[in-house]
C-alpha atoms as a PDB file:
ATOM      1  CA  MET A   1      14.513   0.249   9.031  1.00  0.00           C
ATOM      2  CA  PHE A   2      12.627  -2.096   6.755  1.00  0.00           C
ATOM      3  CA  PRO A   3      12.427  -1.717   2.981  1.00  0.00           C
ATOM      4  CA  THR A   4      10.171   1.090   1.852  1.00  0.00           C
ATOM      5  CA  ILE A   5       8.676   1.110  -1.593  1.00  0.00           C
ATOM      6  CA  PHE A   6       8.416   4.690  -2.831  1.00  0.00           C
ATOM      7  CA  THR A   7       5.596   6.231  -4.796  1.00  0.00           C
ATOM      8  CA  LYS A   8       3.683   9.416  -4.102  1.00  0.00           C
ATOM      9  CA  HIS A   9       2.947   7.484  -0.934  1.00  0.00           C
ATOM     10  CA  ASN A  10       4.966   4.732   0.709  1.00  0.00           C
ATOM     11  CA  ILE A  11       4.233   1.140   1.600  1.00  0.00           C
ATOM     12  CA  GLU A  12       6.403  -0.199   4.383  1.00  0.00           C
ATOM     13  CA  PHE A  13       6.629  -3.963   4.595  1.00  0.00           C
ATOM     14  CA  ASP A  14       8.285  -5.979   7.357  1.00  0.00           C
ATOM     15  CA  PRO A  15       8.900  -9.494   5.967  1.00  0.00           C
ATOM     16  CA  THR A  16       9.876 -10.789   9.429  1.00  0.00           C
ATOM     17  CA  LYS A  17       6.316 -10.216  10.680  1.00  0.00           C
ATOM     18  CA  CYS A  18       4.601 -11.678   7.604  1.00  0.00           C
ATOM     19  CA  VAL A  19       3.121 -15.161   8.140  1.00  0.00           C
ATOM     20  CA  GLY A  20       2.111 -15.688   4.508  1.00  0.00           C
ATOM     21  CA  CYS A  21      -1.656 -15.684   5.008  1.00  0.00           C
ATOM     22  CA  GLY A  22      -2.328 -13.786   1.746  1.00  0.00           C
ATOM     23  CA  LEU A  23      -4.999 -11.504   3.199  1.00  0.00           C
ATOM     24  CA  CYS A  24      -3.207  -8.377   1.993  1.00  0.00           C
ATOM     25  CA  TYR A  25      -3.118  -9.761  -1.537  1.00  0.00           C
ATOM     26  CA  LYS A  26      -6.816 -10.602  -1.434  1.00  0.00           C
ATOM     27  CA  ALA A  27      -7.679  -7.187   0.010  1.00  0.00           C
ATOM     28  CA  CYS A  28      -5.902  -5.208  -2.724  1.00  0.00           C
ATOM     29  CA  PHE A  29      -8.567  -4.454  -5.326  1.00  0.00           C
ATOM     30  CA  VAL A  30      -6.207  -2.551  -7.672  1.00  0.00           C
ATOM     31  CA  ASP A  31      -3.563  -5.313  -7.933  1.00  0.00           C
ATOM     32  CA  VAL A  32      -0.777  -3.340  -6.309  1.00  0.00           C
ATOM     33  CA  ILE A  33       0.005  -6.434  -4.265  1.00  0.00           C
ATOM     34  CA  ARG A  34       0.745  -9.636  -6.156  1.00  0.00           C
ATOM     35  CA  TRP A  35       1.399 -12.995  -4.529  1.00  0.00           C
ATOM     36  CA  ASP A  36       4.601 -15.032  -4.626  1.00  0.00           C
ATOM     37  CA  ALA A  37       3.187 -18.540  -4.068  1.00  0.00           C
ATOM     38  CA  GLU A  38       6.619 -20.150  -3.838  1.00  0.00           C
ATOM     39  CA  ASN A  39       7.792 -17.915  -0.985  1.00  0.00           C
ATOM     40  CA  ARG A  40       4.305 -17.256   0.426  1.00  0.00           C
ATOM     41  CA  LYS A  41       4.945 -13.511   0.575  1.00  0.00           C
ATOM     42  CA  PRO A  42       3.371 -10.447  -1.020  1.00  0.00           C
ATOM     43  CA  VAL A  43       5.126  -8.701  -3.885  1.00  0.00           C
ATOM     44  CA  PHE A  44       4.467  -4.983  -4.260  1.00  0.00           C
ATOM     45  CA  LYS A  45       4.385  -4.861  -8.032  1.00  0.00           C
ATOM     46  CA  TYR A  46       2.413  -1.757  -9.036  1.00  0.00           C
ATOM     47  CA  VAL A  47       2.798   0.666  -6.135  1.00  0.00           C
ATOM     48  CA  GLU A  48       2.212   3.676  -8.364  1.00  0.00           C
ATOM     49  CA  ASP A  49      -1.416   2.510  -8.659  1.00  0.00           C
ATOM     50  CA  CYS A  50      -1.960   2.371  -4.891  1.00  0.00           C
ATOM     51  CA  GLU A  51      -5.116   4.190  -3.821  1.00  0.00           C
ATOM     52  CA  HIS A  52      -3.944   4.245  -0.170  1.00  0.00           C
ATOM     53  CA  CYS A  53      -7.250   2.728   0.913  1.00  0.00           C
ATOM     54  CA  PHE A  54      -5.455   1.023   3.826  1.00  0.00           C
ATOM     55  CA  TYR A  55      -7.254  -2.312   3.224  1.00  0.00           C
ATOM     56  CA  CYS A  56      -3.995  -4.255   3.135  1.00  0.00           C
ATOM     57  CA  GLN A  57      -2.843  -2.603   6.346  1.00  0.00           C
ATOM     58  CA  SER A  58      -6.132  -3.151   8.136  1.00  0.00           C
ATOM     59  CA  VAL A  59      -6.393  -6.879   7.306  1.00  0.00           C
ATOM     60  CA  CYS A  60      -2.813  -7.660   8.323  1.00  0.00           C
ATOM     61  CA  LYS A  61      -3.141  -8.995  11.865  1.00  0.00           C
ATOM     62  CA  LYS A  62       0.644  -9.112  12.258  1.00  0.00           C
ATOM     63  CA  GLU A  63       1.091  -5.434  11.309  1.00  0.00           C
ATOM     64  CA  ALA A  64       3.594  -6.318   8.592  1.00  0.00           C
ATOM     65  CA  ILE A  65       2.251  -3.653   6.206  1.00  0.00           C
ATOM     66  CA  ARG A  66       2.003   0.068   6.794  1.00  0.00           C
ATOM     67  CA  VAL A  67       0.687   2.502   4.187  1.00  0.00           C
ATOM     68  CA  VAL A  68       2.173   5.979   4.572  1.00  0.00           C
ATOM     69  CA  PRO A  69       0.416   8.504   2.318  1.00  0.00           C
ATOM     70  CA  ASN A  70       2.358  11.500   1.082  1.00  0.00           C
ATOM     71  CA  TYR A  71      -0.360  14.098   0.879  1.00  0.00           C
ATOM     72  CA  ALA A  72       2.147  16.848   0.070  1.00  0.00           C
ATOM     73  CA  SER A  73       2.636  15.334  -3.397  1.00  0.00           C
ATOM     74  CA  GLU A  74      -1.056  15.494  -4.222  1.00  0.00           C
ATOM     75  CA  ARG A  75      -2.971  18.440  -5.527  1.00  0.00           C
ATOM     76  CA  LEU A  76      -6.572  19.412  -5.064  1.00  0.00           C
ATOM     77  CA  LEU A  77      -8.109  19.296  -8.517  1.00  0.00           C
ATOM     78  CA  GLN A  78     -11.228  21.260  -7.634  1.00  0.00           C
ATOM     79  CA  SER A  79     -11.653  24.922  -8.325  1.00  0.00           C
ATOM     80  CA  PHE A  80     -14.057  27.342  -6.737  1.00  0.00           C
ATOM     81  CA  PRO A  81     -14.566  30.386  -8.977  1.00  0.00           C
ATOM     82  CA  GLN A  82     -16.202  32.396  -6.203  1.00  0.00           C
ATOM     83  CA  TYR A  83     -12.892  32.344  -4.287  1.00  0.00           C
ATOM     84  CA  LYS A  84     -10.668  33.666  -7.069  1.00  0.00           C
END
């Protein structure tokens, strides 16, 4: 199994598939993914801020990134008084 970075959801990254194109880094609008220019690889720096939008996963043509949401850890913050 490849390294998994834990948060309320997981980001699985397979460095053997990564070709260093940087598309995942460019796709991440909340700066969860930073870029290591020396090694030409993504660095998952702020995973707790991940919105699990799947942009990084969808732009990775080599399927090196997989976002695995953990919906069980989330709560619905809406309330419906008529159902109480």
